[in-house]
Structures are given as C-alpha cells and as structure tokens.
Amino acid sequence: MPPAAPAQSHEHLAGIGSATVVTIHGKIVAVDRTKKLVTLEGPSGKKVTLEVKNPYNLEAAKPGEPFVARFYEIVTIRKKRPGETIPAVALDEGIVSAAPGQTPGAAVGRSVRVVATIVAINKTKKTVDLQGPNGVVETVNVANPTNLKHVKVGNDIVITLTKVTAISLDKETGT
C-alpha cells in the first residue's frame, strides 16, 4: 500500500491588509547641479526641494520636465505561525535608485513590524485589545468583523506598516 499523504494544515486567515496609493503629477521647476538639488512643483503650485545623490538622476533632471510621485502606505495583519521566531519589533529601510538606461527616479521605503498579543475580543463593539511588546494594551477597531472568527484571545499577530515614496521622471500624464 502507498504511504498515506501527510495531513495538510489550512490556515483560515493567512493575512489581511489594506493599501493607500496617492499619485501626484507635476514638473521640475529648478535644478542646482552644484548643490545637487531639484525643486519640484505639484499641481496646486506647492514646491518641494530634494537632494539628488544619483548622478544619473541629477543629469536627467531638467526644468519643465514632468515627474510622477507615488506615496504608498500598506498595512498587513496576520497571525503569527506556530513555532515562528521573529523579533517583537523590527524596522527595515531601503532606497533604490535608477540605473543608466532606466526611467530616472528613486524610491525610499520603511517597514515597521510589531508582534502583539490579542488579550480581549469584543464582537459587539467590533474591537480587539492588543498588548504590544512594551506591555501597553490598545483597543483597536476591527474593519472587517467577520475575521474575528479566525482569532482568539492569546493569539499573537504580526502587524506590518510599510511606507514608500517613489518619484520618477515619467512621461505619463493624466492617471
């Protein structure tokens, strides 16, 4: 007889999340190559000056050229897997810049991850009390109460907040 197939473990709630993306179209209004500064102007006339360290991006920056800036904010929440070992709090940061031949631009991001323990669930009020690594308990409103059936008091959850800003000298218009 062939060996029995191993029993599969199904996690009901792999994770939930939400994302917000804001896109701003504008133009370059000034370039100071000596100081490595570029001034951008958004659609409402607001200006911001940025330091540009990548020589390729600085060379591509010319007054009047369009830019597209995207701001991403992503939140994910998932149950900590049994036996999973992760730090109670973690911070990751990074920057990516265009290489010659690519659309000039850069992205900078930061991700913060926190492990919290569910210490109370109130299905009537649609809230969960979470105890963070510092021992402080926060009451959090639950956006989708149907997910409460997948968690119980004592579960550890992993909350990750990621923010990314990406700016490119993209020729796109409109969207």
N, C-alpha and C. Protein backbone atom coordinates (compact mmCIF):
# COMPACT_ATOMS: atom_id res chain seq x y z
N MET A 1 0.83 -1.18 0.00
CA MET A 1 0.00 0.00 0.00
C MET A 1 0.87 1.24 0.00
N PRO A 2 0.47 2.27 -0.77
CA PRO A 2 1.24 3.51 -0.75
C PRO A 2 1.08 4.20 0.58
N PRO A 3 2.12 4.95 1.01
CA PRO A 3 2.00 5.67 2.28
C PRO A 3 0.90 6.71 2.21
N ALA A 4 0.29 6.96 3.34
CA ALA A 4 -0.77 7.97 3.41
C ALA A 4 -0.17 9.35 3.20
N ALA A 5 -0.91 10.18 2.53
CA ALA A 5 -0.46 11.56 2.31
C ALA A 5 -0.47 12.29 3.64
N PRO A 6 0.53 13.17 3.86
CA PRO A 6 0.54 13.91 5.11
C PRO A 6 -0.68 14.82 5.21
N ALA A 7 -1.19 14.95 6.41
CA ALA A 7 -2.34 15.84 6.63
C ALA A 7 -1.92 17.28 6.36
N GLN A 8 -2.77 17.98 5.64
CA GLN A 8 -2.45 19.38 5.34
C GLN A 8 -3.04 20.28 6.42
N SER A 9 -2.30 21.30 6.75
CA SER A 9 -2.77 22.28 7.71
C SER A 9 -3.26 23.50 6.94
N HIS A 10 -4.49 23.88 7.16
CA HIS A 10 -5.05 25.04 6.46
C HIS A 10 -5.22 26.18 7.45
N GLU A 11 -4.62 27.29 7.16
CA GLU A 11 -4.76 28.50 7.97
C GLU A 11 -5.93 29.29 7.38
N HIS A 12 -6.94 29.56 8.18
CA HIS A 12 -8.12 30.27 7.69
C HIS A 12 -7.80 31.71 7.32
N LEU A 13 -6.91 32.32 8.07
CA LEU A 13 -6.63 33.74 7.87
C LEU A 13 -5.14 33.89 7.61
N ALA A 14 -4.75 33.82 6.34
CA ALA A 14 -3.34 33.98 6.01
C ALA A 14 -2.90 35.40 6.31
N GLY A 15 -3.77 36.34 6.09
CA GLY A 15 -3.45 37.73 6.37
C GLY A 15 -4.48 38.64 5.75
N ILE A 16 -4.58 39.81 6.30
CA ILE A 16 -5.45 40.82 5.72
C ILE A 16 -4.62 42.08 5.55
N GLY A 17 -5.08 42.95 4.71
CA GLY A 17 -4.31 44.16 4.51
C GLY A 17 -5.10 45.23 3.80
N SER A 18 -4.51 46.39 3.77
CA SER A 18 -5.08 47.48 3.01
C SER A 18 -3.93 48.33 2.49
N ALA A 19 -4.20 48.99 1.39
CA ALA A 19 -3.17 49.83 0.79
C ALA A 19 -3.79 51.14 0.34
N THR A 20 -3.03 52.20 0.49
CA THR A 20 -3.42 53.51 0.00
C THR A 20 -2.29 53.99 -0.91
N VAL A 21 -2.67 54.44 -2.09
CA VAL A 21 -1.68 54.97 -3.03
C VAL A 21 -2.16 56.36 -3.46
N VAL A 22 -1.29 57.34 -3.29
CA VAL A 22 -1.57 58.70 -3.74
C VAL A 22 -0.57 59.01 -4.85
N THR A 23 -1.09 59.46 -6.00
CA THR A 23 -0.23 59.80 -7.14
C THR A 23 -0.32 61.30 -7.39
N ILE A 24 0.84 61.92 -7.53
CA ILE A 24 0.91 63.36 -7.80
C ILE A 24 1.73 63.57 -9.07
N HIS A 25 1.18 64.36 -9.99
CA HIS A 25 1.88 64.71 -11.22
C HIS A 25 2.31 66.17 -11.12
N GLY A 26 3.50 66.45 -11.57
CA GLY A 26 3.99 67.82 -11.52
C GLY A 26 5.12 68.02 -12.49
N LYS A 27 5.90 69.06 -12.24
CA LYS A 27 7.04 69.34 -13.12
C LYS A 27 8.23 69.82 -12.31
N ILE A 28 9.38 69.67 -12.90
CA ILE A 28 10.61 70.18 -12.30
C ILE A 28 10.67 71.67 -12.61
N VAL A 29 10.92 72.49 -11.58
CA VAL A 29 10.98 73.93 -11.82
C VAL A 29 12.39 74.49 -11.68
N ALA A 30 13.29 73.78 -10.99
CA ALA A 30 14.66 74.28 -10.86
C ALA A 30 15.60 73.10 -10.58
N VAL A 31 16.83 73.23 -11.11
CA VAL A 31 17.86 72.23 -10.88
C VAL A 31 19.14 72.96 -10.50
N ASP A 32 19.73 72.63 -9.36
CA ASP A 32 21.01 73.19 -8.93
C ASP A 32 21.99 72.03 -8.86
N ARG A 33 22.73 71.84 -9.95
CA ARG A 33 23.64 70.69 -10.04
C ARG A 33 24.81 70.82 -9.05
N THR A 34 25.25 72.04 -8.77
CA THR A 34 26.35 72.23 -7.82
C THR A 34 25.97 71.73 -6.43
N LYS A 35 24.77 72.09 -5.99
CA LYS A 35 24.32 71.67 -4.67
C LYS A 35 23.55 70.34 -4.71
N LYS A 36 23.37 69.78 -5.91
CA LYS A 36 22.64 68.51 -6.12
C LYS A 36 21.20 68.60 -5.63
N LEU A 37 20.53 69.72 -5.98
CA LEU A 37 19.15 69.95 -5.56
C LEU A 37 18.23 70.06 -6.76
N VAL A 38 17.02 69.52 -6.62
CA VAL A 38 15.99 69.63 -7.65
C VAL A 38 14.72 70.12 -6.95
N THR A 39 14.09 71.15 -7.53
CA THR A 39 12.85 71.67 -6.98
C THR A 39 11.69 71.20 -7.85
N LEU A 40 10.72 70.56 -7.20
CA LEU A 40 9.54 70.03 -7.88
C LEU A 40 8.33 70.88 -7.52
N GLU A 41 7.40 71.01 -8.47
CA GLU A 41 6.16 71.73 -8.22
C GLU A 41 4.99 70.82 -8.53
N GLY A 42 4.08 70.69 -7.57
CA GLY A 42 2.90 69.86 -7.73
C GLY A 42 1.79 70.62 -8.42
N PRO A 43 0.65 69.96 -8.66
CA PRO A 43 -0.45 70.58 -9.40
C PRO A 43 -1.07 71.79 -8.71
N SER A 44 -0.95 71.89 -7.38
CA SER A 44 -1.53 73.03 -6.67
C SER A 44 -0.52 74.17 -6.51
N GLY A 45 0.68 74.01 -7.10
CA GLY A 45 1.69 75.05 -7.01
C GLY A 45 2.66 74.89 -5.85
N LYS A 46 2.42 73.90 -4.97
CA LYS A 46 3.32 73.68 -3.84
C LYS A 46 4.65 73.15 -4.36
N LYS A 47 5.75 73.70 -3.82
CA LYS A 47 7.09 73.31 -4.26
C LYS A 47 7.82 72.59 -3.15
N VAL A 48 8.65 71.64 -3.54
CA VAL A 48 9.49 70.92 -2.59
C VAL A 48 10.86 70.75 -3.25
N THR A 49 11.92 70.94 -2.46
CA THR A 49 13.28 70.79 -2.96
C THR A 49 13.88 69.53 -2.36
N LEU A 50 14.45 68.70 -3.23
CA LEU A 50 15.02 67.43 -2.83
C LEU A 50 16.49 67.36 -3.19
N GLU A 51 17.26 66.67 -2.35
CA GLU A 51 18.66 66.40 -2.68
C GLU A 51 18.69 65.14 -3.55
N VAL A 52 19.45 65.20 -4.65
CA VAL A 52 19.55 64.07 -5.57
C VAL A 52 20.99 63.59 -5.57
N LYS A 53 21.23 62.41 -5.01
CA LYS A 53 22.59 61.88 -4.88
C LYS A 53 23.05 61.11 -6.11
N ASN A 54 22.10 60.52 -6.84
CA ASN A 54 22.44 59.72 -8.01
C ASN A 54 22.78 60.64 -9.19
N PRO A 55 24.03 60.60 -9.70
CA PRO A 55 24.41 61.50 -10.79
C PRO A 55 23.58 61.29 -12.07
N TYR A 56 23.14 60.06 -12.31
CA TYR A 56 22.30 59.77 -13.48
C TYR A 56 20.96 60.50 -13.36
N ASN A 57 20.35 60.42 -12.19
CA ASN A 57 19.07 61.10 -11.98
C ASN A 57 19.24 62.62 -12.05
N LEU A 58 20.34 63.13 -11.47
CA LEU A 58 20.57 64.57 -11.48
C LEU A 58 20.77 65.08 -12.91
N GLU A 59 21.51 64.33 -13.71
CA GLU A 59 21.74 64.74 -15.11
C GLU A 59 20.44 64.75 -15.90
N ALA A 60 19.53 63.83 -15.61
CA ALA A 60 18.27 63.74 -16.35
C ALA A 60 17.28 64.83 -15.95
N ALA A 61 17.48 65.43 -14.79
CA ALA A 61 16.55 66.45 -14.29
C ALA A 61 16.74 67.76 -15.03
N LYS A 62 15.67 68.21 -15.66
CA LYS A 62 15.71 69.47 -16.40
C LYS A 62 14.43 70.25 -16.10
N PRO A 63 14.55 71.58 -15.90
CA PRO A 63 13.34 72.38 -15.66
C PRO A 63 12.31 72.17 -16.78
N GLY A 64 11.06 72.04 -16.35
CA GLY A 64 9.97 71.82 -17.31
C GLY A 64 9.62 70.36 -17.52
N GLU A 65 10.53 69.44 -17.14
CA GLU A 65 10.27 68.01 -17.30
C GLU A 65 9.20 67.56 -16.31
N PRO A 66 8.30 66.66 -16.75
CA PRO A 66 7.29 66.16 -15.83
C PRO A 66 7.87 65.12 -14.86
N PHE A 67 7.22 65.00 -13.70
CA PHE A 67 7.56 63.93 -12.76
C PHE A 67 6.27 63.32 -12.25
N VAL A 68 6.37 62.11 -11.75
CA VAL A 68 5.26 61.43 -11.10
C VAL A 68 5.77 60.97 -9.74
N ALA A 69 5.06 61.34 -8.70
CA ALA A 69 5.40 60.88 -7.35
C ALA A 69 4.26 60.00 -6.86
N ARG A 70 4.63 58.87 -6.28
CA ARG A 70 3.64 57.96 -5.72
C ARG A 70 3.99 57.71 -4.26
N PHE A 71 2.99 57.82 -3.42
CA PHE A 71 3.15 57.59 -1.99
C PHE A 71 2.30 56.37 -1.64
N TYR A 72 2.96 55.34 -1.13
CA TYR A 72 2.28 54.09 -0.79
C TYR A 72 2.27 53.92 0.72
N GLU A 73 1.13 53.49 1.25
CA GLU A 73 1.05 53.11 2.66
C GLU A 73 0.30 51.79 2.69
N ILE A 74 0.96 50.77 3.20
CA ILE A 74 0.41 49.42 3.19
C ILE A 74 0.44 48.87 4.61
N VAL A 75 -0.69 48.35 5.05
CA VAL A 75 -0.78 47.73 6.37
C VAL A 75 -1.22 46.28 6.17
N THR A 76 -0.48 45.35 6.77
CA THR A 76 -0.89 43.95 6.75
C THR A 76 -0.94 43.42 8.18
N ILE A 77 -1.88 42.53 8.38
CA ILE A 77 -2.04 41.90 9.69
C ILE A 77 -2.21 40.40 9.44
N ARG A 78 -1.45 39.60 10.19
CA ARG A 78 -1.56 38.15 10.06
C ARG A 78 -1.28 37.50 11.40
N LYS A 79 -1.77 36.27 11.54
CA LYS A 79 -1.46 35.52 12.75
C LYS A 79 -0.02 35.03 12.67
N LYS A 80 0.64 35.06 13.81
CA LYS A 80 1.99 34.51 13.89
C LYS A 80 1.86 32.99 13.78
N ARG A 81 2.68 32.39 12.93
CA ARG A 81 2.62 30.95 12.72
C ARG A 81 3.19 30.21 13.93
N PRO A 82 2.63 29.04 14.25
CA PRO A 82 3.16 28.25 15.37
C PRO A 82 4.65 27.95 15.15
N GLY A 83 5.44 28.20 16.16
CA GLY A 83 6.88 27.93 16.08
C GLY A 83 7.67 29.02 15.37
N GLU A 84 7.00 30.01 14.81
CA GLU A 84 7.70 31.09 14.10
C GLU A 84 8.44 31.96 15.11
N THR A 85 9.70 32.23 14.81
CA THR A 85 10.51 33.08 15.67
C THR A 85 10.82 34.37 14.92
N ILE A 86 10.25 35.45 15.40
CA ILE A 86 10.53 36.76 14.81
C ILE A 86 10.68 37.76 15.94
N PRO A 87 11.45 38.83 15.72
CA PRO A 87 11.61 39.84 16.77
C PRO A 87 10.26 40.52 17.08
N ALA A 88 10.10 40.96 18.31
CA ALA A 88 8.87 41.63 18.73
C ALA A 88 8.65 42.93 17.96
N VAL A 89 9.75 43.60 17.60
CA VAL A 89 9.69 44.83 16.81
C VAL A 89 10.85 44.81 15.83
N ALA A 90 10.58 45.19 14.58
CA ALA A 90 11.64 45.25 13.58
C ALA A 90 11.41 46.45 12.67
N LEU A 91 12.50 47.05 12.22
CA LEU A 91 12.46 48.19 11.30
C LEU A 91 13.38 47.87 10.14
N ASP A 92 12.85 48.00 8.93
CA ASP A 92 13.64 47.82 7.72
C ASP A 92 13.51 49.08 6.89
N GLU A 93 14.63 49.53 6.32
CA GLU A 93 14.62 50.72 5.48
C GLU A 93 15.45 50.44 4.24
N GLY A 94 15.13 51.16 3.17
CA GLY A 94 15.93 50.99 1.97
C GLY A 94 15.66 52.09 0.97
N ILE A 95 16.58 52.19 0.03
CA ILE A 95 16.44 53.15 -1.06
C ILE A 95 16.90 52.46 -2.34
N VAL A 96 16.18 52.73 -3.41
CA VAL A 96 16.52 52.19 -4.71
C VAL A 96 16.56 53.36 -5.67
N SER A 97 17.57 53.38 -6.52
CA SER A 97 17.71 54.47 -7.46
C SER A 97 17.90 53.92 -8.86
N ALA A 98 17.49 54.68 -9.85
CA ALA A 98 17.56 54.23 -11.24
C ALA A 98 19.00 54.07 -11.71
N ALA A 99 19.19 53.12 -12.59
CA ALA A 99 20.48 52.91 -13.25
C ALA A 99 20.41 53.51 -14.64
N PRO A 100 21.56 53.86 -15.24
CA PRO A 100 21.54 54.39 -16.60
C PRO A 100 20.74 53.48 -17.53
N GLY A 101 19.86 54.13 -18.32
CA GLY A 101 19.01 53.39 -19.25
C GLY A 101 17.60 53.18 -18.70
N GLN A 102 17.44 53.29 -17.40
CA GLN A 102 16.12 53.18 -16.79
C GLN A 102 15.47 54.56 -16.72
N THR A 103 14.16 54.59 -16.48
CA THR A 103 13.49 55.86 -16.25
C THR A 103 14.11 56.47 -15.00
N PRO A 104 14.63 57.71 -15.07
CA PRO A 104 15.24 58.33 -13.91
C PRO A 104 14.25 58.42 -12.75
N GLY A 105 14.72 58.06 -11.56
CA GLY A 105 13.87 58.12 -10.38
C GLY A 105 14.48 57.38 -9.22
N ALA A 106 13.76 57.39 -8.12
CA ALA A 106 14.21 56.70 -6.91
C ALA A 106 13.00 56.37 -6.05
N ALA A 107 13.20 55.41 -5.16
CA ALA A 107 12.17 55.05 -4.19
C ALA A 107 12.85 54.84 -2.85
N VAL A 108 12.20 55.34 -1.81
CA VAL A 108 12.70 55.14 -0.46
C VAL A 108 11.54 54.56 0.36
N GLY A 109 11.87 53.58 1.19
CA GLY A 109 10.81 52.93 1.94
C GLY A 109 11.23 52.57 3.34
N ARG A 110 10.22 52.39 4.19
CA ARG A 110 10.44 52.00 5.57
C ARG A 110 9.31 51.05 5.95
N SER A 111 9.66 49.98 6.63
CA SER A 111 8.69 49.00 7.06
C SER A 111 8.90 48.73 8.56
N VAL A 112 7.83 48.84 9.33
CA VAL A 112 7.87 48.58 10.76
C VAL A 112 6.97 47.38 11.03
N ARG A 113 7.53 46.40 11.74
CA ARG A 113 6.76 45.19 12.08
C ARG A 113 6.71 45.06 13.60
N VAL A 114 5.50 44.80 14.13
CA VAL A 114 5.30 44.65 15.57
C VAL A 114 4.49 43.36 15.80
N VAL A 115 4.91 42.60 16.79
CA VAL A 115 4.14 41.44 17.21
C VAL A 115 3.35 41.83 18.45
N ALA A 116 2.04 41.61 18.40
CA ALA A 116 1.16 41.94 19.52
C ALA A 116 0.32 40.71 19.86
N THR A 117 -0.14 40.67 21.10
CA THR A 117 -0.96 39.56 21.58
C THR A 117 -2.39 40.03 21.77
N ILE A 118 -3.34 39.24 21.29
CA ILE A 118 -4.76 39.55 21.50
C ILE A 118 -5.10 39.21 22.95
N VAL A 119 -5.53 40.22 23.72
CA VAL A 119 -5.86 39.98 25.12
C VAL A 119 -7.37 40.07 25.38
N ALA A 120 -8.13 40.60 24.42
CA ALA A 120 -9.58 40.64 24.54
C ALA A 120 -10.20 40.84 23.16
N ILE A 121 -11.37 40.25 22.98
CA ILE A 121 -12.13 40.42 21.74
C ILE A 121 -13.54 40.81 22.14
N ASN A 122 -14.05 41.91 21.56
CA ASN A 122 -15.42 42.34 21.82
C ASN A 122 -16.15 42.35 20.48
N LYS A 123 -16.89 41.26 20.21
CA LYS A 123 -17.58 41.14 18.92
C LYS A 123 -18.72 42.14 18.80
N THR A 124 -19.33 42.53 19.92
CA THR A 124 -20.43 43.50 19.88
C THR A 124 -19.91 44.87 19.44
N LYS A 125 -18.81 45.30 20.06
CA LYS A 125 -18.23 46.60 19.71
C LYS A 125 -17.31 46.52 18.50
N LYS A 126 -17.02 45.30 18.04
CA LYS A 126 -16.13 45.08 16.89
C LYS A 126 -14.74 45.64 17.17
N THR A 127 -14.20 45.28 18.36
CA THR A 127 -12.87 45.73 18.75
C THR A 127 -12.04 44.56 19.23
N VAL A 128 -10.74 44.77 19.22
CA VAL A 128 -9.78 43.81 19.75
C VAL A 128 -8.81 44.60 20.63
N ASP A 129 -8.49 44.06 21.80
CA ASP A 129 -7.47 44.67 22.64
C ASP A 129 -6.16 43.95 22.36
N LEU A 130 -5.15 44.73 22.00
CA LEU A 130 -3.84 44.18 21.66
C LEU A 130 -2.81 44.66 22.67
N GLN A 131 -1.98 43.71 23.13
CA GLN A 131 -0.89 44.07 24.03
C GLN A 131 0.40 44.03 23.23
N GLY A 132 1.06 45.17 23.15
CA GLY A 132 2.31 45.27 22.41
C GLY A 132 3.48 44.78 23.21
N PRO A 133 4.67 44.75 22.61
CA PRO A 133 5.86 44.25 23.28
C PRO A 133 6.26 45.06 24.51
N ASN A 134 5.78 46.31 24.60
CA ASN A 134 6.08 47.15 25.76
C ASN A 134 5.07 46.96 26.90
N GLY A 135 4.09 46.05 26.71
CA GLY A 135 3.11 45.77 27.74
C GLY A 135 1.87 46.64 27.70
N VAL A 136 1.88 47.68 26.89
CA VAL A 136 0.73 48.58 26.79
C VAL A 136 -0.37 47.89 25.97
N VAL A 137 -1.62 48.05 26.44
CA VAL A 137 -2.77 47.47 25.76
C VAL A 137 -3.51 48.58 25.01
N GLU A 138 -3.77 48.35 23.74
CA GLU A 138 -4.50 49.30 22.89
C GLU A 138 -5.77 48.61 22.39
N THR A 139 -6.88 49.35 22.38
CA THR A 139 -8.12 48.84 21.80
C THR A 139 -8.17 49.31 20.35
N VAL A 140 -8.39 48.35 19.44
CA VAL A 140 -8.36 48.63 18.01
C VAL A 140 -9.71 48.26 17.41
N ASN A 141 -10.28 49.16 16.60
CA ASN A 141 -11.50 48.85 15.86
C ASN A 141 -11.16 47.86 14.74
N VAL A 142 -12.03 46.88 14.53
CA VAL A 142 -11.82 45.86 13.52
C VAL A 142 -12.61 46.26 12.27
N ALA A 143 -11.91 46.46 11.15
CA ALA A 143 -12.54 46.91 9.91
C ALA A 143 -13.48 45.85 9.34
N ASN A 144 -13.10 44.58 9.43
CA ASN A 144 -13.92 43.50 8.90
C ASN A 144 -14.19 42.49 10.01
N PRO A 145 -15.29 42.67 10.76
CA PRO A 145 -15.56 41.82 11.92
C PRO A 145 -15.69 40.33 11.61
N THR A 146 -15.95 39.95 10.37
CA THR A 146 -16.03 38.52 10.04
C THR A 146 -14.68 37.83 10.27
N ASN A 147 -13.60 38.59 10.26
CA ASN A 147 -12.28 38.00 10.52
C ASN A 147 -12.09 37.60 11.97
N LEU A 148 -12.93 38.09 12.86
CA LEU A 148 -12.80 37.76 14.27
C LEU A 148 -13.00 36.27 14.54
N LYS A 149 -13.70 35.57 13.65
CA LYS A 149 -13.92 34.14 13.86
C LYS A 149 -12.63 33.33 13.68
N HIS A 150 -11.59 33.96 13.15
CA HIS A 150 -10.32 33.26 12.89
C HIS A 150 -9.27 33.48 13.98
N VAL A 151 -9.59 34.31 14.96
CA VAL A 151 -8.62 34.59 16.02
C VAL A 151 -9.26 34.37 17.39
N LYS A 152 -8.40 34.22 18.39
CA LYS A 152 -8.89 34.05 19.77
C LYS A 152 -7.91 34.75 20.71
N VAL A 153 -8.39 34.96 21.91
CA VAL A 153 -7.55 35.57 22.94
C VAL A 153 -6.31 34.68 23.12
N GLY A 154 -5.15 35.32 23.18
CA GLY A 154 -3.88 34.61 23.32
C GLY A 154 -3.11 34.48 22.02
N ASN A 155 -3.80 34.67 20.87
CA ASN A 155 -3.09 34.62 19.58
C ASN A 155 -2.12 35.79 19.47
N ASP A 156 -0.94 35.52 18.92
CA ASP A 156 -0.01 36.58 18.56
C ASP A 156 -0.28 36.95 17.11
N ILE A 157 -0.32 38.24 16.83
CA ILE A 157 -0.49 38.70 15.46
C ILE A 157 0.70 39.58 15.08
N VAL A 158 0.96 39.61 13.78
CA VAL A 158 2.07 40.39 13.24
C VAL A 158 1.47 41.53 12.42
N ILE A 159 1.78 42.75 12.83
CA ILE A 159 1.28 43.94 12.15
C ILE A 159 2.46 44.61 11.45
N THR A 160 2.33 44.83 10.16
CA THR A 160 3.40 45.45 9.38
C THR A 160 2.86 46.70 8.70
N LEU A 161 3.55 47.82 8.91
CA LEU A 161 3.23 49.08 8.24
C LEU A 161 4.39 49.42 7.33
N THR A 162 4.09 49.57 6.05
CA THR A 162 5.12 49.90 5.07
C THR A 162 4.75 51.20 4.38
N LYS A 163 5.71 52.12 4.33
CA LYS A 163 5.52 53.39 3.62
C LYS A 163 6.64 53.53 2.59
N VAL A 164 6.24 53.85 1.37
CA VAL A 164 7.21 54.01 0.28
C VAL A 164 6.87 55.29 -0.47
N THR A 165 7.91 56.05 -0.79
CA THR A 165 7.78 57.21 -1.66
C THR A 165 8.61 56.94 -2.90
N ALA A 166 7.97 57.02 -4.07
CA ALA A 166 8.67 56.78 -5.34
C ALA A 166 8.47 57.99 -6.23
N ILE A 167 9.56 58.50 -6.76
CA ILE A 167 9.49 59.65 -7.67
C ILE A 167 10.24 59.27 -8.94
N SER A 168 9.59 59.54 -10.09
CA SER A 168 10.25 59.24 -11.37
C SER A 168 9.99 60.38 -12.34
N LEU A 169 10.89 60.51 -13.29
CA LEU A 169 10.73 61.49 -14.36
C LEU A 169 9.96 60.81 -15.49
N ASP A 170 8.79 60.34 -15.13
CA ASP A 170 7.94 59.57 -16.04
C ASP A 170 7.22 60.53 -16.99
N LYS A 171 7.05 60.12 -18.21
CA LYS A 171 6.39 60.95 -19.21
C LYS A 171 4.87 60.78 -19.18
N GLU A 172 4.35 59.88 -18.34
CA GLU A 172 2.91 59.63 -18.32
C GLU A 172 2.18 60.88 -17.87
N THR A 173 0.97 61.02 -18.32
CA THR A 173 0.13 62.15 -17.90
C THR A 173 -1.27 61.64 -17.59
N GLY A 174 -1.94 62.34 -16.73
CA GLY A 174 -3.35 62.05 -16.51
C GLY A 174 -3.66 61.15 -15.35
N THR A 175 -3.12 59.94 -15.24
CA THR A 175 -3.57 58.98 -14.21
C THR A 175 -2.94 59.19 -12.88
